[in-house]
Each structure stands twice: as structure tokens, then as C-alpha cells.
Amino acid sequence: MGKTWSVAERRAEIMRILESRRSENVANFVFMFGVSRRTICYDIEILTALHPIETVRGKGGCIRLTDGYRTYQNILSEEQQETLIDIIPLISDRQATILKGLLHAYGSKKNQQRIDGLII
């Protein structure tokens, strides 16, 4: 038997999946969480009130986050981002890769090109 998810855990995981994959269909969520289609639809309804989620109906339909939306966007201040960007050339490749991932997840869109341009 698979994991038993609380409502809060399931909804947080739905958001995590949408953030990483950008879209998913209801049938996959039903399978992943072992709940009914109605339960997933209700979860999506609740999450839509809190996040910019779009529902695409019909063949090939899906649940997706609007372009550019990130749950934790802009948590790092500009000064924090600048400091982290400045140290990337000074650390190991593995550390730099991790740091760049964190900057992508928690930094501003403004710095994305600059981060992507850094050679590790």
C-alpha cells in the first residue's frame, strides 16, 4: 500500500509537482495519490483560489501553472542574490550547480539570464 497523504500534504505535493513539471493531468494525480477524481478536482479548486492555476479541458487537457509563476519567487533579497552570484566562480562545480538551482528557485526573474550565463 502507498503513502497515506493528509489533505495539506497532498495539496502541497500537487503544487510541488506543478511547479516542477508546469502541468499535469487529473488522472495522473488520481493515480499518484490514490484518491478519487472528485477529490483531486476539489483540491485544484481550492489551490486555484490561492495560486494562478489554469485548467485546460478536453483532449490533452491538464492542470497547469501560469507561465512564469513560482511559489517561492523573490524570497531572496537583491543583496542576497548578488552575494550568492558573486561566490559561484569561487566554489566547486557541484556546489555551484546547487547554488544556481537555489537562485533559480528563490531569486528574481531579473537575474535568471545572469545566473544562466555563469560558467561552472
PDB file of N, CA and C in Angstrom:
ATOM      1  N   MET A   1       0.841  -1.180   0.000  1.00  0.00           N
ATOM      2  CA  MET A   1       0.000   0.000   0.000  1.00  0.00           C
ATOM      3  C   MET A   1       0.888   1.246   0.000  1.00  0.00           C
ATOM      4  N   GLY A   2       0.488   2.280  -0.751  1.00  0.00           N
ATOM      5  CA  GLY A   2       1.259   3.516  -0.865  1.00  0.00           C
ATOM      6  C   GLY A   2       1.081   4.417   0.337  1.00  0.00           C
ATOM      7  N   LYS A   3       1.740   5.527   0.270  1.00  0.00           N
ATOM      8  CA  LYS A   3       1.691   6.529   1.336  1.00  0.00           C
ATOM      9  C   LYS A   3       0.278   7.070   1.505  1.00  0.00           C
ATOM     10  N   THR A   4      -0.106   7.314   2.740  1.00  0.00           N
ATOM     11  CA  THR A   4      -1.370   7.973   3.024  1.00  0.00           C
ATOM     12  C   THR A   4      -1.069   9.454   3.200  1.00  0.00           C
ATOM     13  N   TRP A   5      -1.711  10.274   2.371  1.00  0.00           N
ATOM     14  CA  TRP A   5      -1.455  11.715   2.357  1.00  0.00           C
ATOM     15  C   TRP A   5      -2.534  12.444   3.141  1.00  0.00           C
ATOM     16  N   SER A   6      -2.137  13.399   3.973  1.00  0.00           N
ATOM     17  CA  SER A   6      -3.124  14.299   4.563  1.00  0.00           C
ATOM     18  C   SER A   6      -3.539  15.275   3.461  1.00  0.00           C
ATOM     19  N   VAL A   7      -4.630  15.973   3.675  1.00  0.00           N
ATOM     20  CA  VAL A   7      -5.091  16.943   2.676  1.00  0.00           C
ATOM     21  C   VAL A   7      -4.016  17.993   2.421  1.00  0.00           C
ATOM     22  N   ALA A   8      -3.425  18.522   3.482  1.00  0.00           N
ATOM     23  CA  ALA A   8      -2.393  19.559   3.338  1.00  0.00           C
ATOM     24  C   ALA A   8      -1.169  19.022   2.606  1.00  0.00           C
ATOM     25  N   GLU A   9      -0.739  17.806   2.935  1.00  0.00           N
ATOM     26  CA  GLU A   9       0.415  17.207   2.259  1.00  0.00           C
ATOM     27  C   GLU A   9       0.122  17.004   0.772  1.00  0.00           C
ATOM     28  N   ARG A  10      -1.081  16.500   0.477  1.00  0.00           N
ATOM     29  CA  ARG A  10      -1.444  16.245  -0.915  1.00  0.00           C
ATOM     30  C   ARG A  10      -1.456  17.535  -1.719  1.00  0.00           C
ATOM     31  N   ARG A  11      -2.043  18.571  -1.170  1.00  0.00           N
ATOM     32  CA  ARG A  11      -2.101  19.847  -1.889  1.00  0.00           C
ATOM     33  C   ARG A  11      -0.718  20.464  -2.051  1.00  0.00           C
ATOM     34  N   ALA A  12       0.122  20.353  -1.037  1.00  0.00           N
ATOM     35  CA  ALA A  12       1.494  20.864  -1.150  1.00  0.00           C
ATOM     36  C   ALA A  12       2.253  20.082  -2.219  1.00  0.00           C
ATOM     37  N   GLU A  13       2.038  18.771  -2.280  1.00  0.00           N
ATOM     38  CA  GLU A  13       2.713  17.949  -3.284  1.00  0.00           C
ATOM     39  C   GLU A  13       2.190  18.261  -4.689  1.00  0.00           C
ATOM     40  N   ILE A  14       0.899  18.524  -4.824  1.00  0.00           N
ATOM     41  CA  ILE A  14       0.344  18.933  -6.119  1.00  0.00           C
ATOM     42  C   ILE A  14       1.042  20.205  -6.585  1.00  0.00           C
ATOM     43  N   MET A  15       1.203  21.166  -5.692  1.00  0.00           N
ATOM     44  CA  MET A  15       1.881  22.414  -6.064  1.00  0.00           C
ATOM     45  C   MET A  15       3.344  22.162  -6.414  1.00  0.00           C
ATOM     46  N   ARG A  16       4.006  21.292  -5.672  1.00  0.00           N
ATOM     47  CA  ARG A  16       5.401  20.973  -5.961  1.00  0.00           C
ATOM     48  C   ARG A  16       5.523  20.338  -7.351  1.00  0.00           C
ATOM     49  N   ILE A  17       4.615  19.433  -7.655  1.00  0.00           N
ATOM     50  CA  ILE A  17       4.612  18.769  -8.965  1.00  0.00           C
ATOM     51  C   ILE A  17       4.336  19.783 -10.063  1.00  0.00           C
ATOM     52  N   LEU A  18       3.345  20.634  -9.871  1.00  0.00           N
ATOM     53  CA  LEU A  18       3.031  21.638 -10.890  1.00  0.00           C
ATOM     54  C   LEU A  18       4.192  22.603 -11.084  1.00  0.00           C
ATOM     55  N   GLU A  19       4.850  22.945 -10.000  1.00  0.00           N
ATOM     56  CA  GLU A  19       5.983  23.862 -10.119  1.00  0.00           C
ATOM     57  C   GLU A  19       7.135  23.219 -10.903  1.00  0.00           C
ATOM     58  N   SER A  20       7.385  21.953 -10.675  1.00  0.00           N
ATOM     59  CA  SER A  20       8.499  21.309 -11.370  1.00  0.00           C
ATOM     60  C   SER A  20       8.137  20.889 -12.793  1.00  0.00           C
ATOM     61  N   ARG A  21       6.928  20.385 -13.001  1.00  0.00           N
ATOM     62  CA  ARG A  21       6.540  19.901 -14.335  1.00  0.00           C
ATOM     63  C   ARG A  21       5.789  20.956 -15.145  1.00  0.00           C
ATOM     64  N   ARG A  22       5.252  21.948 -14.469  1.00  0.00           N
ATOM     65  CA  ARG A  22       4.463  23.041 -15.050  1.00  0.00           C
ATOM     66  C   ARG A  22       3.044  22.615 -15.416  1.00  0.00           C
ATOM     67  N   SER A  23       2.795  21.330 -15.705  1.00  0.00           N
ATOM     68  CA  SER A  23       1.431  20.874 -15.964  1.00  0.00           C
ATOM     69  C   SER A  23       1.330  19.380 -15.667  1.00  0.00           C
ATOM     70  N   GLU A  24       0.111  18.950 -15.415  1.00  0.00           N
ATOM     71  CA  GLU A  24      -0.156  17.532 -15.147  1.00  0.00           C
ATOM     72  C   GLU A  24      -1.641  17.304 -15.380  1.00  0.00           C
ATOM     73  N   ASN A  25      -2.030  16.046 -15.617  1.00  0.00           N
ATOM     74  CA  ASN A  25      -3.460  15.795 -15.805  1.00  0.00           C
ATOM     75  C   ASN A  25      -4.060  15.166 -14.551  1.00  0.00           C
ATOM     76  N   VAL A  26      -5.358  15.292 -14.441  1.00  0.00           N
ATOM     77  CA  VAL A  26      -6.078  14.837 -13.246  1.00  0.00           C
ATOM     78  C   VAL A  26      -5.890  13.338 -13.039  1.00  0.00           C
ATOM     79  N   ALA A  27      -5.952  12.557 -14.114  1.00  0.00           N
ATOM     80  CA  ALA A  27      -5.820  11.097 -13.988  1.00  0.00           C
ATOM     81  C   ALA A  27      -4.491  10.709 -13.326  1.00  0.00           C
ATOM     82  N   ASN A  28      -3.425  11.403 -13.658  1.00  0.00           N
ATOM     83  CA  ASN A  28      -2.132  11.099 -13.026  1.00  0.00           C
ATOM     84  C   ASN A  28      -2.149  11.439 -11.544  1.00  0.00           C
ATOM     85  N   PHE A  29      -2.774  12.563 -11.188  1.00  0.00           N
ATOM     86  CA  PHE A  29      -2.886  12.911  -9.765  1.00  0.00           C
ATOM     87  C   PHE A  29      -3.722  11.865  -9.019  1.00  0.00           C
ATOM     88  N   VAL A  30      -4.815  11.412  -9.629  1.00  0.00           N
ATOM     89  CA  VAL A  30      -5.660  10.382  -9.014  1.00  0.00           C
ATOM     90  C   VAL A  30      -4.817   9.137  -8.725  1.00  0.00           C
ATOM     91  N   PHE A  31      -4.037   8.723  -9.713  1.00  0.00           N
ATOM     92  CA  PHE A  31      -3.189   7.539  -9.549  1.00  0.00           C
ATOM     93  C   PHE A  31      -2.119   7.767  -8.481  1.00  0.00           C
ATOM     94  N   MET A  32      -1.438   8.915  -8.532  1.00  0.00           N
ATOM     95  CA  MET A  32      -0.336   9.206  -7.596  1.00  0.00           C
ATOM     96  C   MET A  32      -0.786   9.194  -6.147  1.00  0.00           C
ATOM     97  N   PHE A  33      -1.972   9.774  -5.901  1.00  0.00           N
ATOM     98  CA  PHE A  33      -2.413   9.957  -4.519  1.00  0.00           C
ATOM     99  C   PHE A  33      -3.425   8.916  -4.058  1.00  0.00           C
ATOM    100  N   GLY A  34      -3.916   8.095  -4.978  1.00  0.00           N
ATOM    101  CA  GLY A  34      -4.865   7.050  -4.598  1.00  0.00           C
ATOM    102  C   GLY A  34      -6.174   7.594  -4.070  1.00  0.00           C
ATOM    103  N   VAL A  35      -6.631   8.681  -4.663  1.00  0.00           N
ATOM    104  CA  VAL A  35      -7.904   9.289  -4.262  1.00  0.00           C
ATOM    105  C   VAL A  35      -8.816   9.391  -5.490  1.00  0.00           C
ATOM    106  N   SER A  36     -10.034   9.838  -5.275  1.00  0.00           N
ATOM    107  CA  SER A  36     -10.990   9.939  -6.378  1.00  0.00           C
ATOM    108  C   SER A  36     -10.716  11.166  -7.245  1.00  0.00           C
ATOM    109  N   ARG A  37     -11.252  11.116  -8.441  1.00  0.00           N
ATOM    110  CA  ARG A  37     -11.168  12.259  -9.364  1.00  0.00           C
ATOM    111  C   ARG A  37     -11.796  13.493  -8.711  1.00  0.00           C
ATOM    112  N   ARG A  38     -12.911  13.303  -8.028  1.00  0.00           N
ATOM    113  CA  ARG A  38     -13.593  14.425  -7.374  1.00  0.00           C
ATOM    114  C   ARG A  38     -12.690  15.064  -6.308  1.00  0.00           C
ATOM    115  N   THR A  39     -11.945  14.253  -5.568  1.00  0.00           N
ATOM    116  CA  THR A  39     -11.043  14.780  -4.544  1.00  0.00           C
ATOM    117  C   THR A  39      -9.972  15.661  -5.180  1.00  0.00           C
ATOM    118  N   ILE A  40      -9.385  15.188  -6.279  1.00  0.00           N
ATOM    119  CA  ILE A  40      -8.358  15.984  -6.966  1.00  0.00           C
ATOM    120  C   ILE A  40      -8.971  17.265  -7.524  1.00  0.00           C
ATOM    121  N   CYS A  41     -10.150  17.155  -8.113  1.00  0.00           N
ATOM    122  CA  CYS A  41     -10.810  18.357  -8.655  1.00  0.00           C
ATOM    123  C   CYS A  41     -11.086  19.367  -7.549  1.00  0.00           C
ATOM    124  N   TYR A  42     -11.491  18.885  -6.372  1.00  0.00           N
ATOM    125  CA  TYR A  42     -11.728  19.787  -5.252  1.00  0.00           C
ATOM    126  C   TYR A  42     -10.406  20.413  -4.790  1.00  0.00           C
ATOM    127  N   ASP A  43      -9.334  19.621  -4.721  1.00  0.00           N
ATOM    128  CA  ASP A  43      -8.016  20.157  -4.363  1.00  0.00           C
ATOM    129  C   ASP A  43      -7.613  21.268  -5.336  1.00  0.00           C
ATOM    130  N   ILE A  44      -7.786  21.019  -6.622  1.00  0.00           N
ATOM    131  CA  ILE A  44      -7.423  22.004  -7.646  1.00  0.00           C
ATOM    132  C   ILE A  44      -8.281  23.257  -7.493  1.00  0.00           C
ATOM    133  N   GLU A  45      -9.550  23.076  -7.197  1.00  0.00           N
ATOM    134  CA  GLU A  45     -10.448  24.224  -6.983  1.00  0.00           C
ATOM    135  C   GLU A  45      -9.943  25.098  -5.835  1.00  0.00           C
ATOM    136  N   ILE A  46      -9.556  24.472  -4.744  1.00  0.00           N
ATOM    137  CA  ILE A  46      -9.033  25.207  -3.579  1.00  0.00           C
ATOM    138  C   ILE A  46      -7.699  25.868  -3.938  1.00  0.00           C
ATOM    139  N   LEU A  47      -6.801  25.129  -4.569  1.00  0.00           N
ATOM    140  CA  LEU A  47      -5.490  25.675  -4.924  1.00  0.00           C
ATOM    141  C   LEU A  47      -5.602  26.822  -5.934  1.00  0.00           C
ATOM    142  N   THR A  48      -6.606  26.775  -6.798  1.00  0.00           N
ATOM    143  CA  THR A  48      -6.810  27.834  -7.783  1.00  0.00           C
ATOM    144  C   THR A  48      -7.156  29.161  -7.115  1.00  0.00           C
ATOM    145  N   ALA A  49      -7.775  29.094  -5.958  1.00  0.00           N
ATOM    146  CA  ALA A  49      -8.089  30.321  -5.219  1.00  0.00           C
ATOM    147  C   ALA A  49      -6.832  30.950  -4.615  1.00  0.00           C
ATOM    148  N   LEU A  50      -5.782  30.153  -4.473  1.00  0.00           N
ATOM    149  CA  LEU A  50      -4.555  30.625  -3.830  1.00  0.00           C
ATOM    150  C   LEU A  50      -3.401  30.859  -4.795  1.00  0.00           C
ATOM    151  N   HIS A  51      -3.437  30.213  -5.947  1.00  0.00           N
ATOM    152  CA  HIS A  51      -2.336  30.253  -6.913  1.00  0.00           C
ATOM    153  C   HIS A  51      -2.888  30.425  -8.322  1.00  0.00           C
ATOM    154  N   PRO A  52      -2.085  30.957  -9.247  1.00  0.00           N
ATOM    155  CA  PRO A  52      -2.556  31.124 -10.635  1.00  0.00           C
ATOM    156  C   PRO A  52      -2.508  29.809 -11.421  1.00  0.00           C
ATOM    157  N   ILE A  53      -3.496  28.968 -11.157  1.00  0.00           N
ATOM    158  CA  ILE A  53      -3.596  27.672 -11.814  1.00  0.00           C
ATOM    159  C   ILE A  53      -4.668  27.756 -12.894  1.00  0.00           C
ATOM    160  N   GLU A  54      -4.367  27.183 -14.046  1.00  0.00           N
ATOM    161  CA  GLU A  54      -5.316  27.133 -15.156  1.00  0.00           C
ATOM    162  C   GLU A  54      -5.724  25.684 -15.394  1.00  0.00           C
ATOM    163  N   THR A  55      -6.968  25.495 -15.769  1.00  0.00           N
ATOM    164  CA  THR A  55      -7.461  24.173 -16.124  1.00  0.00           C
ATOM    165  C   THR A  55      -7.778  24.177 -17.606  1.00  0.00           C
ATOM    166  N   VAL A  56      -7.159  23.259 -18.337  1.00  0.00           N
ATOM    167  CA  VAL A  56      -7.405  23.129 -19.769  1.00  0.00           C
ATOM    168  C   VAL A  56      -8.281  21.899 -19.953  1.00  0.00           C
ATOM    169  N   ARG A  57      -9.454  22.085 -20.522  1.00  0.00           N
ATOM    170  CA  ARG A  57     -10.396  20.976 -20.694  1.00  0.00           C
ATOM    171  C   ARG A  57     -10.245  20.328 -22.063  1.00  0.00           C
ATOM    172  N   GLY A  58     -10.812  19.147 -22.196  1.00  0.00           N
ATOM    173  CA  GLY A  58     -10.823  18.459 -23.472  1.00  0.00           C
ATOM    174  C   GLY A  58      -9.645  17.532 -23.655  1.00  0.00           C
ATOM    175  N   LYS A  59      -9.556  16.969 -24.868  1.00  0.00           N
ATOM    176  CA  LYS A  59      -8.469  16.036 -25.174  1.00  0.00           C
ATOM    177  C   LYS A  59      -7.121  16.746 -24.982  1.00  0.00           C
ATOM    178  N   GLY A  60      -6.249  16.109 -24.254  1.00  0.00           N
ATOM    179  CA  GLY A  60      -4.958  16.725 -23.958  1.00  0.00           C
ATOM    180  C   GLY A  60      -5.041  17.763 -22.852  1.00  0.00           C
ATOM    181  N   GLY A  61      -6.161  17.799 -22.153  1.00  0.00           N
ATOM    182  CA  GLY A  61      -6.355  18.771 -21.081  1.00  0.00           C
ATOM    183  C   GLY A  61      -5.409  18.533 -19.917  1.00  0.00           C
ATOM    184  N   CYS A  62      -5.249  19.564 -19.113  1.00  0.00           N
ATOM    185  CA  CYS A  62      -4.327  19.447 -17.990  1.00  0.00           C
ATOM    186  C   CYS A  62      -4.619  20.539 -16.959  1.00  0.00           C
ATOM    187  N   ILE A  63      -3.917  20.430 -15.872  1.00  0.00           N
ATOM    188  CA  ILE A  63      -3.873  21.452 -14.844  1.00  0.00           C
ATOM    189  C   ILE A  63      -2.488  22.052 -14.976  1.00  0.00           C
ATOM    190  N   ARG A  64      -2.377  23.375 -15.015  1.00  0.00           N
ATOM    191  CA  ARG A  64      -1.058  23.974 -15.174  1.00  0.00           C
ATOM    192  C   ARG A  64      -0.948  25.299 -14.432  1.00  0.00           C
ATOM    193  N   LEU A  65       0.288  25.632 -14.109  1.00  0.00           N
ATOM    194  CA  LEU A  65       0.580  26.937 -13.532  1.00  0.00           C
ATOM    195  C   LEU A  65       0.771  27.927 -14.675  1.00  0.00           C
ATOM    196  N   THR A  66       0.355  29.146 -14.464  1.00  0.00           N
ATOM    197  CA  THR A  66       0.569  30.154 -15.494  1.00  0.00           C
ATOM    198  C   THR A  66       2.064  30.366 -15.685  1.00  0.00           C
ATOM    199  N   ASP A  67       2.444  30.741 -16.899  1.00  0.00           N
ATOM    200  CA  ASP A  67       3.857  30.942 -17.223  1.00  0.00           C
ATOM    201  C   ASP A  67       4.512  31.930 -16.274  1.00  0.00           C
ATOM    202  N   GLY A  68       5.712  31.586 -15.835  1.00  0.00           N
ATOM    203  CA  GLY A  68       6.488  32.494 -15.004  1.00  0.00           C
ATOM    204  C   GLY A  68       6.185  32.447 -13.523  1.00  0.00           C
ATOM    205  N   TYR A  69       5.114  31.747 -13.121  1.00  0.00           N
ATOM    206  CA  TYR A  69       4.769  31.708 -11.703  1.00  0.00           C
ATOM    207  C   TYR A  69       5.654  30.713 -10.975  1.00  0.00           C
ATOM    208  N   ARG A  70       6.186  31.143  -9.857  1.00  0.00           N
ATOM    209  CA  ARG A  70       6.944  30.277  -8.956  1.00  0.00           C
ATOM    210  C   ARG A  70       6.432  30.525  -7.549  1.00  0.00           C
ATOM    211  N   THR A  71       6.182  29.448  -6.834  1.00  0.00           N
ATOM    212  CA  THR A  71       5.644  29.551  -5.481  1.00  0.00           C
ATOM    213  C   THR A  71       6.528  30.402  -4.580  1.00  0.00           C
ATOM    214  N   TYR A  72       7.849  30.214  -4.685  1.00  0.00           N
ATOM    215  CA  TYR A  72       8.760  30.889  -3.763  1.00  0.00           C
ATOM    216  C   TYR A  72       9.566  31.995  -4.430  1.00  0.00           C
ATOM    217  N   GLN A  73       9.061  32.507  -5.510  1.00  0.00           N
ATOM    218  CA  GLN A  73       9.802  33.527  -6.245  1.00  0.00           C
ATOM    219  C   GLN A  73      10.087  34.743  -5.361  1.00  0.00           C
ATOM    220  N   ASN A  74      11.286  35.263  -5.505  1.00  0.00           N
ATOM    221  CA  ASN A  74      11.706  36.501  -4.858  1.00  0.00           C
ATOM    222  C   ASN A  74      11.815  36.410  -3.344  1.00  0.00           C
ATOM    223  N   ILE A  75      12.115  35.245  -2.825  1.00  0.00           N
ATOM    224  CA  ILE A  75      12.341  35.154  -1.384  1.00  0.00           C
ATOM    225  C   ILE A  75      13.683  35.772  -1.025  1.00  0.00           C
ATOM    226  N   LEU A  76      14.682  35.611  -1.884  1.00  0.00           N
ATOM    227  CA  LEU A  76      15.986  36.211  -1.622  1.00  0.00           C
ATOM    228  C   LEU A  76      15.970  37.687  -2.000  1.00  0.00           C
ATOM    229  N   SER A  77      16.572  38.500  -1.151  1.00  0.00           N
ATOM    230  CA  SER A  77      16.675  39.929  -1.468  1.00  0.00           C
ATOM    231  C   SER A  77      17.692  40.112  -2.590  1.00  0.00           C
ATOM    232  N   GLU A  78      17.696  41.278  -3.206  1.00  0.00           N
ATOM    233  CA  GLU A  78      18.674  41.566  -4.263  1.00  0.00           C
ATOM    234  C   GLU A  78      20.095  41.434  -3.724  1.00  0.00           C
ATOM    235  N   GLU A  79      20.326  41.929  -2.520  1.00  0.00           N
ATOM    236  CA  GLU A  79      21.662  41.848  -1.929  1.00  0.00           C
ATOM    237  C   GLU A  79      22.086  40.395  -1.713  1.00  0.00           C
ATOM    238  N   GLN A  80      21.164  39.564  -1.249  1.00  0.00           N
ATOM    239  CA  GLN A  80      21.473  38.152  -1.052  1.00  0.00           C
ATOM    240  C   GLN A  80      21.786  37.480  -2.392  1.00  0.00           C
ATOM    241  N   GLN A  81      20.996  37.784  -3.409  1.00  0.00           N
ATOM    242  CA  GLN A  81      21.229  37.203  -4.735  1.00  0.00           C
ATOM    243  C   GLN A  81      22.591  37.630  -5.285  1.00  0.00           C
ATOM    244  N   GLU A  82      22.892  38.907  -5.158  1.00  0.00           N
ATOM    245  CA  GLU A  82      24.180  39.424  -5.652  1.00  0.00           C
ATOM    246  C   GLU A  82      25.345  38.703  -4.973  1.00  0.00           C
ATOM    247  N   THR A  83      25.252  38.535  -3.667  1.00  0.00           N
ATOM    248  CA  THR A  83      26.314  37.871  -2.909  1.00  0.00           C
ATOM    249  C   THR A  83      26.488  36.433  -3.375  1.00  0.00           C
ATOM    250  N   LEU A  84      25.382  35.717  -3.543  1.00  0.00           N
ATOM    251  CA  LEU A  84      25.449  34.324  -3.973  1.00  0.00           C
ATOM    252  C   LEU A  84      25.987  34.207  -5.401  1.00  0.00           C
ATOM    253  N   ILE A  85      25.570  35.099  -6.269  1.00  0.00           N
ATOM    254  CA  ILE A  85      26.070  35.095  -7.652  1.00  0.00           C
ATOM    255  C   ILE A  85      27.574  35.353  -7.669  1.00  0.00           C
ATOM    256  N   ASP A  86      28.029  36.282  -6.827  1.00  0.00           N
ATOM    257  CA  ASP A  86      29.452  36.618  -6.781  1.00  0.00           C
ATOM    258  C   ASP A  86      30.328  35.451  -6.332  1.00  0.00           C
ATOM    259  N   ILE A  87      29.797  34.560  -5.490  1.00  0.00           N
ATOM    260  CA  ILE A  87      30.642  33.469  -4.995  1.00  0.00           C
ATOM    261  C   ILE A  87      30.619  32.223  -5.887  1.00  0.00           C
ATOM    262  N   ILE A  88      29.726  32.165  -6.856  1.00  0.00           N
ATOM    263  CA  ILE A  88      29.649  30.983  -7.720  1.00  0.00           C
ATOM    264  C   ILE A  88      30.993  30.628  -8.353  1.00  0.00           C
ATOM    265  N   PRO A  89      31.749  31.600  -8.896  1.00  0.00           N
ATOM    266  CA  PRO A  89      33.044  31.224  -9.506  1.00  0.00           C
ATOM    267  C   PRO A  89      34.073  30.711  -8.494  1.00  0.00           C
ATOM    268  N   LEU A  90      33.834  30.904  -7.216  1.00  0.00           N
ATOM    269  CA  LEU A  90      34.823  30.553  -6.197  1.00  0.00           C
ATOM    270  C   LEU A  90      34.602  29.176  -5.571  1.00  0.00           C
ATOM    271  N   ILE A  91      33.520  28.488  -5.930  1.00  0.00           N
ATOM    272  CA  ILE A  91      33.185  27.221  -5.276  1.00  0.00           C
ATOM    273  C   ILE A  91      33.270  26.067  -6.284  1.00  0.00           C
ATOM    274  N   SER A  92      33.138  24.841  -5.772  1.00  0.00           N
ATOM    275  CA  SER A  92      33.242  23.657  -6.639  1.00  0.00           C
ATOM    276  C   SER A  92      32.069  23.614  -7.626  1.00  0.00           C
ATOM    277  N   ASP A  93      32.237  22.833  -8.684  1.00  0.00           N
ATOM    278  CA  ASP A  93      31.187  22.692  -9.695  1.00  0.00           C
ATOM    279  C   ASP A  93      29.887  22.169  -9.081  1.00  0.00           C
ATOM    280  N   ARG A  94      29.993  21.174  -8.213  1.00  0.00           N
ATOM    281  CA  ARG A  94      28.806  20.605  -7.570  1.00  0.00           C
ATOM    282  C   ARG A  94      28.092  21.661  -6.732  1.00  0.00           C
ATOM    283  N   GLN A  95      28.850  22.405  -5.950  1.00  0.00           N
ATOM    284  CA  GLN A  95      28.266  23.459  -5.127  1.00  0.00           C
ATOM    285  C   GLN A  95      27.652  24.554  -5.998  1.00  0.00           C
ATOM    286  N   ALA A  96      28.326  24.894  -7.081  1.00  0.00           N
ATOM    287  CA  ALA A  96      27.819  25.933  -7.982  1.00  0.00           C
ATOM    288  C   ALA A  96      26.505  25.512  -8.624  1.00  0.00           C
ATOM    289  N   THR A  97      26.415  24.245  -9.006  1.00  0.00           N
ATOM    290  CA  THR A  97      25.179  23.737  -9.598  1.00  0.00           C
ATOM    291  C   THR A  97      24.029  23.832  -8.599  1.00  0.00           C
ATOM    292  N   ILE A  98      24.293  23.450  -7.369  1.00  0.00           N
ATOM    293  CA  ILE A  98      23.271  23.536  -6.315  1.00  0.00           C
ATOM    294  C   ILE A  98      22.874  24.990  -6.074  1.00  0.00           C
ATOM    295  N   LEU A  99      23.856  25.859  -5.984  1.00  0.00           N
ATOM    296  CA  LEU A  99      23.598  27.274  -5.725  1.00  0.00           C
ATOM    297  C   LEU A  99      22.800  27.911  -6.866  1.00  0.00           C
ATOM    298  N   LYS A 100      23.139  27.560  -8.098  1.00  0.00           N
ATOM    299  CA  LYS A 100      22.389  28.089  -9.244  1.00  0.00           C
ATOM    300  C   LYS A 100      20.932  27.617  -9.197  1.00  0.00           C
ATOM    301  N   GLY A 101      20.720  26.369  -8.795  1.00  0.00           N
ATOM    302  CA  GLY A 101      19.351  25.852  -8.646  1.00  0.00           C
ATOM    303  C   GLY A 101      18.570  26.625  -7.605  1.00  0.00           C
ATOM    304  N   LEU A 102      19.217  26.927  -6.493  1.00  0.00           N
ATOM    305  CA  LEU A 102      18.567  27.717  -5.441  1.00  0.00           C
ATOM    306  C   LEU A 102      18.247  29.133  -5.922  1.00  0.00           C
ATOM    307  N   LEU A 103      19.166  29.719  -6.643  1.00  0.00           N
ATOM    308  CA  LEU A 103      18.931  31.062  -7.175  1.00  0.00           C
ATOM    309  C   LEU A 103      17.785  31.067  -8.184  1.00  0.00           C
ATOM    310  N   HIS A 104      17.682  30.008  -8.973  1.00  0.00           N
ATOM    311  CA  HIS A 104      16.560  29.904  -9.906  1.00  0.00           C
ATOM    312  C   HIS A 104      15.235  29.769  -9.151  1.00  0.00           C
ATOM    313  N   ALA A 105      15.236  28.964  -8.109  1.00  0.00           N
ATOM    314  CA  ALA A 105      14.012  28.713  -7.361  1.00  0.00           C
ATOM    315  C   ALA A 105      13.591  29.898  -6.500  1.00  0.00           C
ATOM    316  N   TYR A 106      14.554  30.591  -5.908  1.00  0.00           N
ATOM    317  CA  TYR A 106      14.231  31.608  -4.910  1.00  0.00           C
ATOM    318  C   TYR A 106      14.660  33.024  -5.286  1.00  0.00           C
ATOM    319  N   GLY A 107      15.217  33.183  -6.463  1.00  0.00           N
ATOM    320  CA  GLY A 107      15.673  34.503  -6.889  1.00  0.00           C
ATOM    321  C   GLY A 107      14.689  35.168  -7.838  1.00  0.00           C
ATOM    322  N   SER A 108      15.023  36.366  -8.238  1.00  0.00           N
ATOM    323  CA  SER A 108      14.150  37.128  -9.130  1.00  0.00           C
ATOM    324  C   SER A 108      14.378  36.726 -10.581  1.00  0.00           C
ATOM    325  N   LYS A 109      13.356  36.905 -11.400  1.00  0.00           N
ATOM    326  CA  LYS A 109      13.473  36.621 -12.830  1.00  0.00           C
ATOM    327  C   LYS A 109      14.530  37.519 -13.464  1.00  0.00           C
ATOM    328  N   LYS A 110      14.689  38.687 -12.900  1.00  0.00           N
ATOM    329  CA  LYS A 110      15.648  39.665 -13.413  1.00  0.00           C
ATOM    330  C   LYS A 110      17.063  39.093 -13.487  1.00  0.00           C
ATOM    331  N   ASN A 111      17.421  38.225 -12.565  1.00  0.00           N
ATOM    332  CA  ASN A 111      18.774  37.674 -12.505  1.00  0.00           C
ATOM    333  C   ASN A 111      18.932  36.345 -13.239  1.00  0.00           C
ATOM    334  N   GLN A 112      17.876  35.810 -13.829  1.00  0.00           N
ATOM    335  CA  GLN A 112      17.940  34.489 -14.447  1.00  0.00           C
ATOM    336  C   GLN A 112      18.977  34.397 -15.557  1.00  0.00           C
ATOM    337  N   GLN A 113      19.005  35.360 -16.466  1.00  0.00           N
ATOM    338  CA  GLN A 113      19.978  35.317 -17.567  1.00  0.00           C
ATOM    339  C   GLN A 113      21.406  35.408 -17.036  1.00  0.00           C
ATOM    340  N   ARG A 114      21.599  36.235 -16.062  1.00  0.00           N
ATOM    341  CA  ARG A 114      22.926  36.395 -15.474  1.00  0.00           C
ATOM    342  C   ARG A 114      23.391  35.072 -14.839  1.00  0.00           C
ATOM    343  N   ILE A 115      22.492  34.400 -14.135  1.00  0.00           N
ATOM    344  CA  ILE A 115      22.815  33.135 -13.496  1.00  0.00           C
ATOM    345  C   ILE A 115      23.110  32.071 -14.549  1.00  0.00           C
ATOM    346  N   ASP A 116      22.270  32.025 -15.587  1.00  0.00           N
ATOM    347  CA  ASP A 116      22.444  31.031 -16.652  1.00  0.00           C
ATOM    348  C   ASP A 116      23.751  31.258 -17.413  1.00  0.00           C
ATOM    349  N   GLY A 117      24.212  32.484 -17.473  1.00  0.00           N
ATOM    350  CA  GLY A 117      25.433  32.804 -18.203  1.00  0.00           C
ATOM    351  C   GLY A 117      26.713  32.449 -17.459  1.00  0.00           C
ATOM    352  N   LEU A 118      26.602  32.156 -16.167  1.00  0.00           N
ATOM    353  CA  LEU A 118      27.796  31.816 -15.388  1.00  0.00           C
ATOM    354  C   LEU A 118      28.293  30.425 -15.776  1.00  0.00           C
ATOM    355  N   ILE A 119      29.558  30.312 -15.997  1.00  0.00           N
ATOM    356  CA  ILE A 119      30.154  29.024 -16.352  1.00  0.00           C
ATOM    357  C   ILE A 119      30.628  28.347 -15.070  1.00  0.00           C
ATOM    358  N   ILE A 120      30.232  27.067 -14.938  1.00  0.00           N
ATOM    359  CA  ILE A 120      30.692  26.305 -13.764  1.00  0.00           C
ATOM    360  C   ILE A 120      31.535  25.140 -14.198  1.00  0.00           C
TER     361      ILE A 120
END
